[in-house]
Amino acid sequence: MALSHIALAALAVLAAPAAEAQSQTIPAQAIEMTRTDLSEADLVGMWVTENGHIRLELLPGGRYDEARGARRSAYTGRWEIRGPGEIFFADDSGFTATGTVAEGTLEVGGDRFRRDGRWD
């Protein structure tokens, strides 16, 4: 028994969502192998500008404490990971900024930081 053009078109429409859903399924192993996002453990610790003037301590639990020169706790606030290589900062005074992490360098608002001030 031959199907009409209308019946074939209806079958194609019904099958399309299932085929699309299957093509978007990624095995768990592949997700883990291609993971490029950051974790809190990747970031917690002291980050220092090359001249040592700004010291940004990212604390566990999403808080930070920034010292500038001799002024300790010049700025405090919260931080959170927003996406692959992206960190969001919200100062307790209401100021916000977005930072990026790549190749061991944290960049926020034009300032570049390295973990524990290791610039060598």
C-alpha atoms as a PDB file:
ATOM      1  CA  MET A   1       0.000   0.000   0.000  1.00  0.00           C
ATOM      2  CA  ALA A   2       1.512   3.319  -1.088  1.00  0.00           C
ATOM      3  CA  LEU A   3       1.329   6.390   1.156  1.00  0.00           C
ATOM      4  CA  SER A   4       0.089   9.669  -0.273  1.00  0.00           C
ATOM      5  CA  HIS A   5       2.279  12.799  -0.345  1.00  0.00           C
ATOM      6  CA  ILE A   6       0.200  14.223   2.518  1.00  0.00           C
ATOM      7  CA  ALA A   7       0.742  11.136   4.679  1.00  0.00           C
ATOM      8  CA  LEU A   8       4.504  11.185   3.974  1.00  0.00           C
ATOM      9  CA  ALA A   9       4.686  14.888   4.881  1.00  0.00           C
ATOM     10  CA  ALA A  10       2.785  14.262   8.131  1.00  0.00           C
ATOM     11  CA  LEU A  11       5.160  11.440   9.053  1.00  0.00           C
ATOM     12  CA  ALA A  12       8.171  13.676   8.350  1.00  0.00           C
ATOM     13  CA  VAL A  13       6.782  16.409  10.615  1.00  0.00           C
ATOM     14  CA  LEU A  14       6.111  13.930  13.430  1.00  0.00           C
ATOM     15  CA  ALA A  15       9.570  12.362  13.142  1.00  0.00           C
ATOM     16  CA  ALA A  16      11.512  15.663  12.959  1.00  0.00           C
ATOM     17  CA  PRO A  17      11.361  16.612  16.666  1.00  0.00           C
ATOM     18  CA  ALA A  18      12.523  13.147  17.714  1.00  0.00           C
ATOM     19  CA  ALA A  19      15.452  13.272  15.293  1.00  0.00           C
ATOM     20  CA  GLU A  20      16.426  16.761  16.501  1.00  0.00           C
ATOM     21  CA  ALA A  21      16.266  15.662  20.144  1.00  0.00           C
ATOM     22  CA  GLN A  22      18.502  12.669  19.413  1.00  0.00           C
ATOM     23  CA  SER A  23      21.100  14.784  17.614  1.00  0.00           C
ATOM     24  CA  GLN A  24      21.332  17.148  20.619  1.00  0.00           C
ATOM     25  CA  THR A  25      21.962  14.382  23.154  1.00  0.00           C
ATOM     26  CA  ILE A  26      25.611  14.368  24.264  1.00  0.00           C
ATOM     27  CA  PRO A  27      27.030  11.480  26.257  1.00  0.00           C
ATOM     28  CA  ALA A  28      28.095  12.375  29.805  1.00  0.00           C
ATOM     29  CA  GLN A  29      31.696  11.360  29.060  1.00  0.00           C
ATOM     30  CA  ALA A  30      31.877  13.822  26.146  1.00  0.00           C
ATOM     31  CA  ILE A  31      30.534  16.661  28.303  1.00  0.00           C
ATOM     32  CA  GLU A  32      33.201  16.009  30.947  1.00  0.00           C
ATOM     33  CA  MET A  33      35.971  15.817  28.332  1.00  0.00           C
ATOM     34  CA  THR A  34      35.012  19.146  26.730  1.00  0.00           C
ATOM     35  CA  ARG A  35      34.307  21.004  29.982  1.00  0.00           C
ATOM     36  CA  THR A  36      35.872  24.484  29.909  1.00  0.00           C
ATOM     37  CA  ASP A  37      34.068  26.163  32.786  1.00  0.00           C
ATOM     38  CA  LEU A  38      35.669  27.242  36.049  1.00  0.00           C
ATOM     39  CA  SER A  39      35.018  25.927  39.518  1.00  0.00           C
ATOM     40  CA  GLU A  40      35.335  27.731  42.840  1.00  0.00           C
ATOM     41  CA  ALA A  41      38.445  25.650  43.580  1.00  0.00           C
ATOM     42  CA  ASP A  42      40.074  27.052  40.416  1.00  0.00           C
ATOM     43  CA  LEU A  43      39.692  30.612  41.708  1.00  0.00           C
ATOM     44  CA  VAL A  44      39.805  30.721  45.522  1.00  0.00           C
ATOM     45  CA  GLY A  45      42.984  32.359  46.771  1.00  0.00           C
ATOM     46  CA  MET A  46      44.984  35.558  46.478  1.00  0.00           C
ATOM     47  CA  TRP A  47      45.265  37.304  43.094  1.00  0.00           C
ATOM     48  CA  VAL A  48      47.795  40.137  42.763  1.00  0.00           C
ATOM     49  CA  THR A  49      48.541  42.762  40.090  1.00  0.00           C
ATOM     50  CA  GLU A  50      52.041  42.753  38.614  1.00  0.00           C
ATOM     51  CA  ASN A  51      53.083  45.820  40.623  1.00  0.00           C
ATOM     52  CA  GLY A  52      51.594  44.315  43.822  1.00  0.00           C
ATOM     53  CA  HIS A  53      49.390  47.345  44.474  1.00  0.00           C
ATOM     54  CA  ILE A  54      46.045  45.516  44.253  1.00  0.00           C
ATOM     55  CA  ARG A  55      45.494  42.239  46.061  1.00  0.00           C
ATOM     56  CA  LEU A  56      42.198  40.503  45.405  1.00  0.00           C
ATOM     57  CA  GLU A  57      41.400  37.604  47.696  1.00  0.00           C
ATOM     58  CA  LEU A  58      38.625  35.359  46.424  1.00  0.00           C
ATOM     59  CA  LEU A  59      37.201  33.573  49.439  1.00  0.00           C
ATOM     60  CA  PRO A  60      35.311  30.261  49.547  1.00  0.00           C
ATOM     61  CA  GLY A  61      31.565  30.744  49.524  1.00  0.00           C
ATOM     62  CA  GLY A  62      31.600  33.611  47.032  1.00  0.00           C
ATOM     63  CA  ARG A  63      32.978  36.575  49.020  1.00  0.00           C
ATOM     64  CA  TYR A  64      36.014  38.692  48.147  1.00  0.00           C
ATOM     65  CA  ASP A  65      38.266  41.169  49.918  1.00  0.00           C
ATOM     66  CA  GLU A  66      40.347  43.624  47.896  1.00  0.00           C
ATOM     67  CA  ALA A  67      43.314  45.514  49.348  1.00  0.00           C
ATOM     68  CA  ARG A  68      44.943  48.498  47.611  1.00  0.00           C
ATOM     69  CA  GLY A  69      48.401  49.572  48.697  1.00  0.00           C
ATOM     70  CA  ALA A  70      48.434  49.863  52.487  1.00  0.00           C
ATOM     71  CA  ARG A  71      44.633  49.979  52.654  1.00  0.00           C
ATOM     72  CA  ARG A  72      43.325  46.589  53.721  1.00  0.00           C
ATOM     73  CA  SER A  73      39.743  45.657  52.821  1.00  0.00           C
ATOM     74  CA  ALA A  74      39.433  48.664  50.518  1.00  0.00           C
ATOM     75  CA  TYR A  75      36.569  46.868  48.764  1.00  0.00           C
ATOM     76  CA  THR A  76      34.548  43.838  49.769  1.00  0.00           C
ATOM     77  CA  GLY A  77      31.703  42.047  48.090  1.00  0.00           C
ATOM     78  CA  ARG A  78      30.622  38.849  46.455  1.00  0.00           C
ATOM     79  CA  TRP A  79      31.778  36.994  43.371  1.00  0.00           C
ATOM     80  CA  GLU A  80      30.270  34.209  41.303  1.00  0.00           C
ATOM     81  CA  ILE A  81      31.088  32.252  38.207  1.00  0.00           C
ATOM     82  CA  ARG A  82      28.764  33.258  35.372  1.00  0.00           C
ATOM     83  CA  GLY A  83      30.067  31.184  32.485  1.00  0.00           C
ATOM     84  CA  PRO A  84      33.155  29.648  30.958  1.00  0.00           C
ATOM     85  CA  GLY A  85      36.016  31.919  31.986  1.00  0.00           C
ATOM     86  CA  GLU A  86      33.660  34.629  33.284  1.00  0.00           C
ATOM     87  CA  ILE A  87      33.322  35.946  36.845  1.00  0.00           C
ATOM     88  CA  PHE A  88      30.814  38.499  38.118  1.00  0.00           C
ATOM     89  CA  PHE A  89      31.721  40.832  41.007  1.00  0.00           C
ATOM     90  CA  ALA A  90      29.248  42.828  43.105  1.00  0.00           C
ATOM     91  CA  ASP A  91      30.824  45.238  45.579  1.00  0.00           C
ATOM     92  CA  ASP A  92      29.009  45.800  48.880  1.00  0.00           C
ATOM     93  CA  SER A  93      28.595  49.466  47.846  1.00  0.00           C
ATOM     94  CA  GLY A  94      26.634  48.424  44.735  1.00  0.00           C
ATOM     95  CA  PHE A  95      29.377  48.596  42.083  1.00  0.00           C
ATOM     96  CA  THR A  96      29.464  45.623  39.694  1.00  0.00           C
ATOM     97  CA  ALA A  97      32.084  44.319  37.284  1.00  0.00           C
ATOM     98  CA  THR A  98      32.718  41.319  35.088  1.00  0.00           C
ATOM     99  CA  GLY A  99      36.078  39.588  34.954  1.00  0.00           C
ATOM    100  CA  THR A 100      37.604  36.968  32.722  1.00  0.00           C
ATOM    101  CA  VAL A 101      40.094  34.210  33.456  1.00  0.00           C
ATOM    102  CA  ALA A 102      42.354  32.845  30.749  1.00  0.00           C
ATOM    103  CA  GLU A 103      45.762  31.182  30.878  1.00  0.00           C
ATOM    104  CA  GLY A 104      46.221  31.828  34.594  1.00  0.00           C
ATOM    105  CA  THR A 105      45.404  35.535  34.399  1.00  0.00           C
ATOM    106  CA  LEU A 106      42.340  37.212  35.900  1.00  0.00           C
ATOM    107  CA  GLU A 107      41.360  40.477  34.244  1.00  0.00           C
ATOM    108  CA  VAL A 108      38.828  42.821  35.853  1.00  0.00           C
ATOM    109  CA  GLY A 109      38.196  46.430  34.842  1.00  0.00           C
ATOM    110  CA  GLY A 110      41.513  46.755  33.027  1.00  0.00           C
ATOM    111  CA  ASP A 111      43.545  45.325  35.922  1.00  0.00           C
ATOM    112  CA  ARG A 112      45.386  42.042  35.387  1.00  0.00           C
ATOM    113  CA  PHE A 113      45.990  39.647  38.279  1.00  0.00           C
ATOM    114  CA  ARG A 114      47.976  36.461  38.753  1.00  0.00           C
ATOM    115  CA  ARG A 115      47.460  33.886  41.477  1.00  0.00           C
ATOM    116  CA  ASP A 116      49.710  34.663  44.450  1.00  0.00           C
ATOM    117  CA  GLY A 117      51.463  37.353  42.385  1.00  0.00           C
ATOM    118  CA  ARG A 118      53.409  34.816  40.296  1.00  0.00           C
ATOM    119  CA  TRP A 119      54.338  36.903  37.261  1.00  0.00           C
ATOM    120  CA  ASP A 120      57.496  35.005  36.339  1.00  0.00           C
END
